[in-house]
Structure formats: structure tokens, C-alpha cells
Amino acid sequence: VIGVMLGFLIRYNAKRNPTATPTRENTALEIIWTV
């Protein structure tokens, strides 16, 4: 979880992405984090 959080902090920081982009659902990911 810490690794994923750090990855998101680096990849999606405000300097690289000044405007937010909408995301779509990811059914496979939701199934994985439930199962």
C-alpha cells in the first residue's frame, strides 16, 4: 500500500497533471481488491 501510494504521488502530482482528468471504472481491479 505504501508503494502504491508513493507511486501515485509521483505519477499524479499537481506539477505533472495541473488539470484533473476523469477516470473510468476498472472492473478487473475492483474484483481483485475484493477477492
Full PDB file with SEQRES, HELIX, SHEET, SSBOND, CRYST1, ORIGX, SCALE, CONECT and MASTER records, all heavy atoms in Angstrom:
SEQRES   1 A   35  VAL ILE GLY VAL MET LEU GLY PHE LEU ILE ARG TYR ASN          
SEQRES   2 A   35  ALA LYS ARG ASN PRO THR ALA THR PRO THR ARG GLU ASN          
SEQRES   3 A   35  THR ALA LEU GLU ILE ILE TRP THR VAL                          
HELIX    1 AA1 ILE A    2  ARG A   11  1                                  10    
HELIX    2 AA2 THR A   27  THR A   34  1                                   8    
CRYST1    1.000    1.000    1.000  90.00  90.00  90.00 P 1           1          
ORIGX1      1.000000  0.000000  0.000000        0.00000                         
ORIGX2      0.000000  1.000000  0.000000        0.00000                         
ORIGX3      0.000000  0.000000  1.000000        0.00000                         
SCALE1      1.000000  0.000000  0.000000        0.00000                         
SCALE2      0.000000  1.000000  0.000000        0.00000                         
SCALE3      0.000000  0.000000  1.000000        0.00000                         
ATOM      1  N   VAL A   1       0.837  -1.205   0.000  1.00  0.00           N  
ATOM      2  CA  VAL A   1       0.000   0.000   0.000  1.00  0.00           C  
ATOM      3  C   VAL A   1       0.871   1.254   0.000  1.00  0.00           C  
ATOM      4  O   VAL A   1       0.608   2.204  -0.743  1.00  0.00           O  
ATOM      5  CB  VAL A   1      -0.969  -0.010   1.207  1.00  0.00           C  
ATOM      6  CG1 VAL A   1      -1.629   1.347   1.409  1.00  0.00           C  
ATOM      7  CG2 VAL A   1      -2.015  -1.087   1.016  1.00  0.00           C  
ATOM      8  N   ILE A   2       1.915   1.257   0.803  1.00  0.00           N  
ATOM      9  CA  ILE A   2       2.825   2.416   0.824  1.00  0.00           C  
ATOM     10  C   ILE A   2       3.469   2.597  -0.554  1.00  0.00           C  
ATOM     11  O   ILE A   2       3.574   3.719  -1.058  1.00  0.00           O  
ATOM     12  CB  ILE A   2       3.902   2.241   1.916  1.00  0.00           C  
ATOM     13  CG1 ILE A   2       3.275   2.233   3.298  1.00  0.00           C  
ATOM     14  CG2 ILE A   2       4.975   3.316   1.818  1.00  0.00           C  
ATOM     15  CD1 ILE A   2       2.568   3.507   3.691  1.00  0.00           C  
ATOM     16  N   GLY A   3       3.889   1.499  -1.190  1.00  0.00           N  
ATOM     17  CA  GLY A   3       4.493   1.579  -2.516  1.00  0.00           C  
ATOM     18  C   GLY A   3       3.531   2.149  -3.545  1.00  0.00           C  
ATOM     19  O   GLY A   3       3.897   3.014  -4.353  1.00  0.00           O  
ATOM     20  N   VAL A   4       2.280   1.688  -3.532  1.00  0.00           N  
ATOM     21  CA  VAL A   4       1.273   2.203  -4.472  1.00  0.00           C  
ATOM     22  C   VAL A   4       1.005   3.674  -4.205  1.00  0.00           C  
ATOM     23  O   VAL A   4       0.897   4.484  -5.140  1.00  0.00           O  
ATOM     24  CB  VAL A   4      -0.018   1.355  -4.392  1.00  0.00           C  
ATOM     25  CG1 VAL A   4      -1.157   2.014  -5.147  1.00  0.00           C  
ATOM     26  CG2 VAL A   4       0.238  -0.044  -4.923  1.00  0.00           C  
ATOM     27  N   MET A   5       0.898   4.041  -2.936  1.00  0.00           N  
ATOM     28  CA  MET A   5       0.663   5.463  -2.604  1.00  0.00           C  
ATOM     29  C   MET A   5       1.801   6.344  -3.101  1.00  0.00           C  
ATOM     30  O   MET A   5       1.563   7.409  -3.693  1.00  0.00           O  
ATOM     31  CB  MET A   5       0.493   5.637  -1.084  1.00  0.00           C  
ATOM     32  CG  MET A   5      -0.839   5.171  -0.570  1.00  0.00           C  
ATOM     33  SD  MET A   5      -1.014   5.268   1.224  1.00  0.00           S  
ATOM     34  CE  MET A   5      -0.403   6.860   1.606  1.00  0.00           C  
ATOM     35  N   LEU A   6       3.039   5.911  -2.881  1.00  0.00           N  
ATOM     36  CA  LEU A   6       4.182   6.701  -3.361  1.00  0.00           C  
ATOM     37  C   LEU A   6       4.183   6.774  -4.886  1.00  0.00           C  
ATOM     38  O   LEU A   6       4.474   7.831  -5.461  1.00  0.00           O  
ATOM     39  CB  LEU A   6       5.495   6.112  -2.843  1.00  0.00           C  
ATOM     40  CG  LEU A   6       5.753   6.259  -1.346  1.00  0.00           C  
ATOM     41  CD1 LEU A   6       7.007   5.497  -0.936  1.00  0.00           C  
ATOM     42  CD2 LEU A   6       5.841   7.717  -0.949  1.00  0.00           C  
ATOM     43  N   GLY A   7       3.854   5.670  -5.534  1.00  0.00           N  
ATOM     44  CA  GLY A   7       3.762   5.676  -6.996  1.00  0.00           C  
ATOM     45  C   GLY A   7       2.725   6.657  -7.489  1.00  0.00           C  
ATOM     46  O   GLY A   7       2.960   7.419  -8.449  1.00  0.00           O  
ATOM     47  N   PHE A   8       1.549   6.698  -6.843  1.00  0.00           N  
ATOM     48  CA  PHE A   8       0.510   7.658  -7.240  1.00  0.00           C  
ATOM     49  C   PHE A   8       0.938   9.092  -6.955  1.00  0.00           C  
ATOM     50  O   PHE A   8       0.631  10.001  -7.730  1.00  0.00           O  
ATOM     51  CB  PHE A   8      -0.803   7.348  -6.531  1.00  0.00           C  
ATOM     52  CG  PHE A   8      -1.554   6.180  -7.112  1.00  0.00           C  
ATOM     53  CD1 PHE A   8      -2.359   5.398  -6.311  1.00  0.00           C  
ATOM     54  CD2 PHE A   8      -1.459   5.859  -8.455  1.00  0.00           C  
ATOM     55  CE1 PHE A   8      -3.056   4.315  -6.831  1.00  0.00           C  
ATOM     56  CE2 PHE A   8      -2.148   4.782  -8.999  1.00  0.00           C  
ATOM     57  CZ  PHE A   8      -2.958   4.006  -8.181  1.00  0.00           C  
ATOM     58  N   LEU A   9       1.624   9.307  -5.836  1.00  0.00           N  
ATOM     59  CA  LEU A   9       2.097  10.666  -5.522  1.00  0.00           C  
ATOM     60  C   LEU A   9       3.052  11.172  -6.589  1.00  0.00           C  
ATOM     61  O   LEU A   9       3.002  12.338  -6.990  1.00  0.00           O  
ATOM     62  CB  LEU A   9       2.788  10.690  -4.160  1.00  0.00           C  
ATOM     63  CG  LEU A   9       1.885  10.682  -2.941  1.00  0.00           C  
ATOM     64  CD1 LEU A   9       2.713  10.522  -1.667  1.00  0.00           C  
ATOM     65  CD2 LEU A   9       1.067  11.945  -2.870  1.00  0.00           C  
ATOM     66  N   ILE A  10       3.924  10.309  -7.065  1.00  0.00           N  
ATOM     67  CA  ILE A  10       4.890  10.710  -8.089  1.00  0.00           C  
ATOM     68  C   ILE A  10       4.208  10.861  -9.449  1.00  0.00           C  
ATOM     69  O   ILE A  10       4.400  11.865 -10.147  1.00  0.00           O  
ATOM     70  CB  ILE A  10       6.046   9.684  -8.155  1.00  0.00           C  
ATOM     71  CG1 ILE A  10       6.858   9.747  -6.862  1.00  0.00           C  
ATOM     72  CG2 ILE A  10       6.929   9.937  -9.381  1.00  0.00           C  
ATOM     73  CD1 ILE A  10       7.817   8.591  -6.677  1.00  0.00           C  
ATOM     74  N   ARG A  11       3.399   9.888  -9.817  1.00  0.00           N  
ATOM     75  CA  ARG A  11       2.793   9.904 -11.156  1.00  0.00           C  
ATOM     76  C   ARG A  11       1.733  10.976 -11.324  1.00  0.00           C  
ATOM     77  O   ARG A  11       1.627  11.590 -12.390  1.00  0.00           O  
ATOM     78  CB  ARG A  11       2.189   8.536 -11.439  1.00  0.00           C  
ATOM     79  CG  ARG A  11       1.623   8.420 -12.822  1.00  0.00           C  
ATOM     80  CD  ARG A  11       1.217   7.013 -13.128  1.00  0.00           C  
ATOM     81  NE  ARG A  11       0.636   6.968 -14.475  1.00  0.00           N  
ATOM     82  CZ  ARG A  11       0.086   5.917 -14.984  1.00  0.00           C  
ATOM     83  NH1 ARG A  11       0.038   4.799 -14.295  1.00  0.00           N  
ATOM     84  NH2 ARG A  11      -0.419   5.944 -16.183  1.00  0.00           N  
ATOM     85  N   TYR A  12       0.945  11.209 -10.296  1.00  0.00           N  
ATOM     86  CA  TYR A  12      -0.186  12.130 -10.434  1.00  0.00           C  
ATOM     87  C   TYR A  12      -0.019  13.406  -9.621  1.00  0.00           C  
ATOM     88  O   TYR A  12      -1.006  13.983  -9.176  1.00  0.00           O  
ATOM     89  CB  TYR A  12      -1.483  11.425 -10.034  1.00  0.00           C  
ATOM     90  CG  TYR A  12      -1.808  10.238 -10.908  1.00  0.00           C  
ATOM     91  CD1 TYR A  12      -1.731   8.944 -10.414  1.00  0.00           C  
ATOM     92  CD2 TYR A  12      -2.173  10.415 -12.231  1.00  0.00           C  
ATOM     93  CE1 TYR A  12      -2.023   7.850 -11.213  1.00  0.00           C  
ATOM     94  CE2 TYR A  12      -2.461   9.335 -13.041  1.00  0.00           C  
ATOM     95  CZ  TYR A  12      -2.381   8.057 -12.529  1.00  0.00           C  
ATOM     96  OH  TYR A  12      -2.667   6.979 -13.321  1.00  0.00           O  
ATOM     97  N   ASN A  13       1.192  13.901  -9.436  1.00  0.00           N  
ATOM     98  CA  ASN A  13       1.342  15.133  -8.664  1.00  0.00           C  
ATOM     99  C   ASN A  13       0.843  16.323  -9.476  1.00  0.00           C  
ATOM    100  O   ASN A  13       0.683  16.269 -10.697  1.00  0.00           O  
ATOM    101  CB  ASN A  13       2.776  15.313  -8.164  1.00  0.00           C  
ATOM    102  CG  ASN A  13       3.758  15.693  -9.247  1.00  0.00           C  
ATOM    103  OD1 ASN A  13       3.409  16.323 -10.234  1.00  0.00           O  
ATOM    104  ND2 ASN A  13       5.004  15.303  -9.059  1.00  0.00           N  
ATOM    105  N   ALA A  14       0.592  17.439  -8.811  1.00  0.00           N  
ATOM    106  CA  ALA A  14      -0.026  18.606  -9.444  1.00  0.00           C  
ATOM    107  C   ALA A  14       0.864  19.221 -10.517  1.00  0.00           C  
ATOM    108  O   ALA A  14       0.363  19.824 -11.473  1.00  0.00           O  
ATOM    109  CB  ALA A  14      -0.377  19.638  -8.388  1.00  0.00           C  
ATOM    110  N   LYS A  15       2.169  19.110 -10.415  1.00  0.00           N  
ATOM    111  CA  LYS A  15       3.058  19.695 -11.428  1.00  0.00           C  
ATOM    112  C   LYS A  15       2.951  18.945 -12.758  1.00  0.00           C  
ATOM    113  O   LYS A  15       3.012  19.561 -13.816  1.00  0.00           O  
ATOM    114  CB  LYS A  15       4.507  19.671 -10.929  1.00  0.00           C  
ATOM    115  CG  LYS A  15       4.755  20.613  -9.778  1.00  0.00           C  
ATOM    116  CD  LYS A  15       6.185  20.509  -9.310  1.00  0.00           C  
ATOM    117  CE  LYS A  15       6.356  21.377  -8.060  1.00  0.00           C  
ATOM    118  NZ  LYS A  15       7.661  21.199  -7.469  1.00  0.00           N  
ATOM    119  N   ARG A  16       2.821  17.622 -12.711  1.00  0.00           N  
ATOM    120  CA  ARG A  16       2.715  16.840 -13.946  1.00  0.00           C  
ATOM    121  C   ARG A  16       1.301  16.850 -14.514  1.00  0.00           C  
ATOM    122  O   ARG A  16       1.112  16.675 -15.715  1.00  0.00           O  
ATOM    123  CB  ARG A  16       3.125  15.388 -13.683  1.00  0.00           C  
ATOM    124  CG  ARG A  16       4.589  15.218 -13.447  1.00  0.00           C  
ATOM    125  CD  ARG A  16       4.907  13.761 -13.358  1.00  0.00           C  
ATOM    126  NE  ARG A  16       6.330  13.562 -13.175  1.00  0.00           N  
ATOM    127  CZ  ARG A  16       6.896  12.408 -13.033  1.00  0.00           C  
ATOM    128  NH1 ARG A  16       6.172  11.321 -13.047  1.00  0.00           N  
ATOM    129  NH2 ARG A  16       8.193  12.313 -12.882  1.00  0.00           N  
ATOM    130  N   ASN A  17       0.323  16.974 -13.652  1.00  0.00           N  
ATOM    131  CA  ASN A  17      -1.087  16.935 -14.067  1.00  0.00           C  
ATOM    132  C   ASN A  17      -1.823  18.125 -13.469  1.00  0.00           C  
ATOM    133  O   ASN A  17      -2.549  17.983 -12.496  1.00  0.00           O  
ATOM    134  CB  ASN A  17      -1.735  15.626 -13.603  1.00  0.00           C  
ATOM    135  CG  ASN A  17      -1.054  14.404 -14.148  1.00  0.00           C  
ATOM    136  OD1 ASN A  17      -1.077  14.182 -15.344  1.00  0.00           O  
ATOM    137  ND2 ASN A  17      -0.420  13.642 -13.272  1.00  0.00           N  
ATOM    138  N   PRO A  18      -1.688  19.326 -14.059  1.00  0.00           N  
ATOM    139  CA  PRO A  18      -2.323  20.507 -13.462  1.00  0.00           C  
ATOM    140  C   PRO A  18      -3.847  20.467 -13.516  1.00  0.00           C  
ATOM    141  O   PRO A  18      -4.498  21.069 -12.671  1.00  0.00           O  
ATOM    142  CB  PRO A  18      -1.771  21.672 -14.284  1.00  0.00           C  
ATOM    143  CG  PRO A  18      -1.199  21.071 -15.517  1.00  0.00           C  
ATOM    144  CD  PRO A  18      -0.900  19.642 -15.222  1.00  0.00           C  
ATOM    145  N   THR A  19      -4.426  19.739 -14.456  1.00  0.00           N  
ATOM    146  CA  THR A  19      -5.889  19.636 -14.500  1.00  0.00           C  
ATOM    147  C   THR A  19      -6.279  18.183 -14.303  1.00  0.00           C  
ATOM    148  O   THR A  19      -5.675  17.268 -14.886  1.00  0.00           O  
ATOM    149  CB  THR A  19      -6.448  20.142 -15.850  1.00  0.00           C  
ATOM    150  OG1 THR A  19      -5.852  19.387 -16.905  1.00  0.00           O  
ATOM    151  CG2 THR A  19      -6.150  21.616 -16.042  1.00  0.00           C  
ATOM    152  N   ALA A  20      -7.290  17.997 -13.517  1.00  0.00           N  
ATOM    153  CA  ALA A  20      -7.753  16.642 -13.227  1.00  0.00           C  
ATOM    154  C   ALA A  20      -8.439  16.047 -14.441  1.00  0.00           C  
ATOM    155  O   ALA A  20      -9.154  16.754 -15.162  1.00  0.00           O  
ATOM    156  CB  ALA A  20      -8.702  16.659 -12.049  1.00  0.00           C  
ATOM    157  N   THR A  21      -8.219  14.782 -14.680  1.00  0.00           N  
ATOM    158  CA  THR A  21      -8.887  14.081 -15.773  1.00  0.00           C  
ATOM    159  C   THR A  21      -9.791  13.021 -15.176  1.00  0.00           C  
ATOM    160  O   THR A  21      -9.426  12.356 -14.206  1.00  0.00           O  
ATOM    161  CB  THR A  21      -7.871  13.418 -16.722  1.00  0.00           C  
ATOM    162  OG1 THR A  21      -7.054  12.545 -15.970  1.00  0.00           O  
ATOM    163  CG2 THR A  21      -6.995  14.451 -17.404  1.00  0.00           C  
ATOM    164  N   PRO A  22     -10.969  12.885 -15.735  1.00  0.00           N  
ATOM    165  CA  PRO A  22     -11.882  11.872 -15.181  1.00  0.00           C  
ATOM    166  C   PRO A  22     -11.355  10.463 -15.438  1.00  0.00           C  
ATOM    167  O   PRO A  22     -10.709  10.207 -16.452  1.00  0.00           O  
ATOM    168  CB  PRO A  22     -13.190  12.123 -15.929  1.00  0.00           C  
ATOM    169  CG  PRO A  22     -12.812  12.851 -17.171  1.00  0.00           C  
ATOM    170  CD  PRO A  22     -11.547  13.601 -16.873  1.00  0.00           C  
ATOM    171  N   THR A  23     -11.624   9.589 -14.509  1.00  0.00           N  
ATOM    172  CA  THR A  23     -11.222   8.192 -14.667  1.00  0.00           C  
ATOM    173  C   THR A  23     -12.474   7.334 -14.795  1.00  0.00           C  
ATOM    174  O   THR A  23     -13.539   7.687 -14.295  1.00  0.00           O  
ATOM    175  CB  THR A  23     -10.399   7.701 -13.465  1.00  0.00           C  
ATOM    176  OG1 THR A  23     -11.182   7.859 -12.293  1.00  0.00           O  
ATOM    177  CG2 THR A  23      -9.112   8.475 -13.326  1.00  0.00           C  
ATOM    178  N   ARG A  24     -12.312   6.224 -15.443  1.00  0.00           N  
ATOM    179  CA  ARG A  24     -13.429   5.290 -15.619  1.00  0.00           C  
ATOM    180  C   ARG A  24     -13.233   4.108 -14.682  1.00  0.00           C  
ATOM    181  O   ARG A  24     -12.139   3.836 -14.223  1.00  0.00           O  
ATOM    182  CB  ARG A  24     -13.491   4.826 -17.058  1.00  0.00           C  
ATOM    183  CG  ARG A  24     -13.730   5.982 -17.979  1.00  0.00           C  
ATOM    184  CD  ARG A  24     -14.156   5.521 -19.311  1.00  0.00           C  
ATOM    185  NE  ARG A  24     -14.467   6.720 -20.069  1.00  0.00           N  
ATOM    186  CZ  ARG A  24     -15.467   6.810 -20.868  1.00  0.00           C  
ATOM    187  NH1 ARG A  24     -16.246   5.793 -21.050  1.00  0.00           N  
ATOM    188  NH2 ARG A  24     -15.701   7.920 -21.518  1.00  0.00           N  
ATOM    189  N   GLU A  25     -14.309   3.412 -14.461  1.00  0.00           N  
ATOM    190  CA  GLU A  25     -14.226   2.246 -13.584  1.00  0.00           C  
ATOM    191  C   GLU A  25     -13.341   1.172 -14.193  1.00  0.00           C  
ATOM    192  O   GLU A  25     -13.202   1.066 -15.408  1.00  0.00           O  
ATOM    193  CB  GLU A  25     -15.617   1.704 -13.310  1.00  0.00           C  
ATOM    194  CG  GLU A  25     -16.308   1.217 -14.572  1.00  0.00           C  
ATOM    195  CD  GLU A  25     -17.795   1.024 -14.388  1.00  0.00           C  
ATOM    196  OE1 GLU A  25     -18.440   1.868 -13.749  1.00  0.00           O  
ATOM    197  OE2 GLU A  25     -18.288   0.013 -14.882  1.00  0.00           O  
ATOM    198  N   ASN A  26     -12.756   0.400 -13.300  1.00  0.00           N  
ATOM    199  CA  ASN A  26     -11.897  -0.704 -13.724  1.00  0.00           C  
ATOM    200  C   ASN A  26     -12.413  -1.961 -13.016  1.00  0.00           C  
ATOM    201  O   ASN A  26     -12.061  -2.242 -11.870  1.00  0.00           O  
ATOM    202  CB  ASN A  26     -10.444  -0.412 -13.353  1.00  0.00           C  
ATOM    203  CG  ASN A  26      -9.496  -1.437 -13.908  1.00  0.00           C  
ATOM    204  OD1 ASN A  26      -9.870  -2.572 -14.161  1.00  0.00           O  
ATOM    205  ND2 ASN A  26      -8.252  -1.030 -14.092  1.00  0.00           N  
ATOM    206  N   THR A  27     -13.251  -2.700 -13.706  1.00  0.00           N  
ATOM    207  CA  THR A  27     -13.918  -3.862 -13.108  1.00  0.00           C  
ATOM    208  C   THR A  27     -12.915  -4.908 -12.635  1.00  0.00           C  
ATOM    209  O   THR A  27     -13.065  -5.472 -11.545  1.00  0.00           O  
ATOM    210  CB  THR A  27     -14.905  -4.482 -14.101  1.00  0.00           C  
ATOM    211  OG1 THR A  27     -15.807  -3.455 -14.543  1.00  0.00           O  
ATOM    212  CG2 THR A  27     -15.707  -5.591 -13.457  1.00  0.00           C  
ATOM    213  N   ALA A  28     -11.888  -5.166 -13.417  1.00  0.00           N  
ATOM    214  CA  ALA A  28     -10.897  -6.175 -13.030  1.00  0.00           C  
ATOM    215  C   ALA A  28     -10.207  -5.784 -11.725  1.00  0.00           C  
ATOM    216  O   ALA A  28     -10.022  -6.623 -10.833  1.00  0.00           O  
ATOM    217  CB  ALA A  28      -9.873  -6.366 -14.140  1.00  0.00           C  
ATOM    218  N   LEU A  29      -9.823  -4.516 -11.620  1.00  0.00           N  
ATOM    219  CA  LEU A  29      -9.166  -4.045 -10.399  1.00  0.00           C  
ATOM    220  C   LEU A  29     -10.101  -4.146  -9.196  1.00  0.00           C  
ATOM    221  O   LEU A  29      -9.683  -4.560  -8.109  1.00  0.00           O  
ATOM    222  CB  LEU A  29      -8.678  -2.610 -10.581  1.00  0.00           C  
ATOM    223  CG  LEU A  29      -7.911  -2.005  -9.412  1.00  0.00           C  
ATOM    224  CD1 LEU A  29      -6.651  -2.812  -9.138  1.00  0.00           C  
ATOM    225  CD2 LEU A  29      -7.565  -0.556  -9.705  1.00  0.00           C  
ATOM    226  N   GLU A  30     -11.363  -3.801  -9.369  1.00  0.00           N  
ATOM    227  CA  GLU A  30     -12.328  -3.892  -8.268  1.00  0.00           C  
ATOM    228  C   GLU A  30     -12.535  -5.344  -7.829  1.00  0.00           C  
ATOM    229  O   GLU A  30     -12.654  -5.628  -6.635  1.00  0.00           O  
ATOM    230  CB  GLU A  30     -13.647  -3.251  -8.676  1.00  0.00           C  
ATOM    231  CG  GLU A  30     -13.546  -1.737  -8.816  1.00  0.00           C  
ATOM    232  CD  GLU A  30     -14.839  -1.100  -9.249  1.00  0.00           C  
ATOM    233  OE1 GLU A  30     -15.906  -1.739  -9.102  1.00  0.00           O  
ATOM    234  OE2 GLU A  30     -14.784   0.048  -9.716  1.00  0.00           O  
ATOM    235  N   ILE A  31     -12.558  -6.251  -8.780  1.00  0.00           N  
ATOM    236  CA  ILE A  31     -12.701  -7.672  -8.434  1.00  0.00           C  
ATOM    237  C   ILE A  31     -11.460  -8.142  -7.674  1.00  0.00           C  
ATOM    238  O   ILE A  31     -11.574  -8.834  -6.653  1.00  0.00           O  
ATOM    239  CB  ILE A  31     -12.940  -8.517  -9.702  1.00  0.00           C  
ATOM    240  CG1 ILE A  31     -14.339  -8.240 -10.241  1.00  0.00           C  
ATOM    241  CG2 ILE A  31     -12.754 -10.001  -9.405  1.00  0.00           C  
ATOM    242  CD1 ILE A  31     -14.623  -8.853 -11.595  1.00  0.00           C  
ATOM    243  N   ILE A  32     -10.289  -7.745  -8.137  1.00  0.00           N  
ATOM    244  CA  ILE A  32      -9.044  -8.156  -7.476  1.00  0.00           C  
ATOM    245  C   ILE A  32      -9.003  -7.642  -6.044  1.00  0.00           C  
ATOM    246  O   ILE A  32      -8.707  -8.394  -5.121  1.00  0.00           O  
ATOM    247  CB  ILE A  32      -7.816  -7.670  -8.279  1.00  0.00           C  
ATOM    248  CG1 ILE A  32      -7.681  -8.487  -9.560  1.00  0.00           C  
ATOM    249  CG2 ILE A  32      -6.539  -7.771  -7.446  1.00  0.00           C  
ATOM    250  CD1 ILE A  32      -6.662  -7.947 -10.535  1.00  0.00           C  
ATOM    251  N   TRP A  33      -9.306  -6.348  -5.818  1.00  0.00           N  
ATOM    252  CA  TRP A  33      -9.185  -5.846  -4.463  1.00  0.00           C  
ATOM    253  C   TRP A  33     -10.350  -6.246  -3.562  1.00  0.00           C  
ATOM    254  O   TRP A  33     -10.383  -5.934  -2.386  1.00  0.00           O  
ATOM    255  CB  TRP A  33      -8.869  -4.369  -4.395  1.00  0.00           C  
ATOM    256  CG  TRP A  33      -9.966  -3.380  -4.692  1.00  0.00           C  
ATOM    257  CD1 TRP A  33     -11.283  -3.434  -4.371  1.00  0.00           C  
ATOM    258  CD2 TRP A  33      -9.789  -2.138  -5.350  1.00  0.00           C  
ATOM    259  NE1 TRP A  33     -11.928  -2.333  -4.783  1.00  0.00           N  
ATOM    260  CE2 TRP A  33     -11.034  -1.503  -5.404  1.00  0.00           C  
ATOM    261  CE3 TRP A  33      -8.700  -1.493  -5.917  1.00  0.00           C  
ATOM    262  CZ2 TRP A  33     -11.218  -0.266  -5.986  1.00  0.00           C  
ATOM    263  CZ3 TRP A  33      -8.900  -0.252  -6.484  1.00  0.00           C  
ATOM    264  CH2 TRP A  33     -10.147   0.341  -6.519  1.00  0.00           C  
ATOM    265  N   THR A  34     -11.314  -6.953  -4.121  1.00  0.00           N  
ATOM    266  CA  THR A  34     -12.367  -7.554  -3.308  1.00  0.00           C  
ATOM    267  C   THR A  34     -12.055  -9.026  -3.023  1.00  0.00           C  
ATOM    268  O   THR A  34     -12.194  -9.490  -1.889  1.00  0.00           O  
ATOM    269  CB  THR A  34     -13.734  -7.440  -4.023  1.00  0.00           C  
ATOM    270  OG1 THR A  34     -14.014  -6.062  -4.263  1.00  0.00           O  
ATOM    271  CG2 THR A  34     -14.833  -8.055  -3.190  1.00  0.00           C  
ATOM    272  N   VAL A  35     -11.605  -9.750  -4.036  1.00  0.00           N  
ATOM    273  CA  VAL A  35     -11.392 -11.192  -3.900  1.00  0.00           C  
ATOM    274  C   VAL A  35     -10.168 -11.508  -3.026  1.00  0.00           C  
ATOM    275  O   VAL A  35     -10.226 -12.402  -2.186  1.00  0.00           O  
ATOM    276  CB  VAL A  35     -11.265 -11.850  -5.294  1.00  0.00           C  
ATOM    277  CG1 VAL A  35     -10.788 -13.280  -5.184  1.00  0.00           C  
ATOM    278  CG2 VAL A  35     -12.602 -11.779  -6.010  1.00  0.00           C  
TER     279      VAL A  35                                                      
MASTER        0    0    0    2    0    0    0    6  278    1    0    3          
END                                                                             
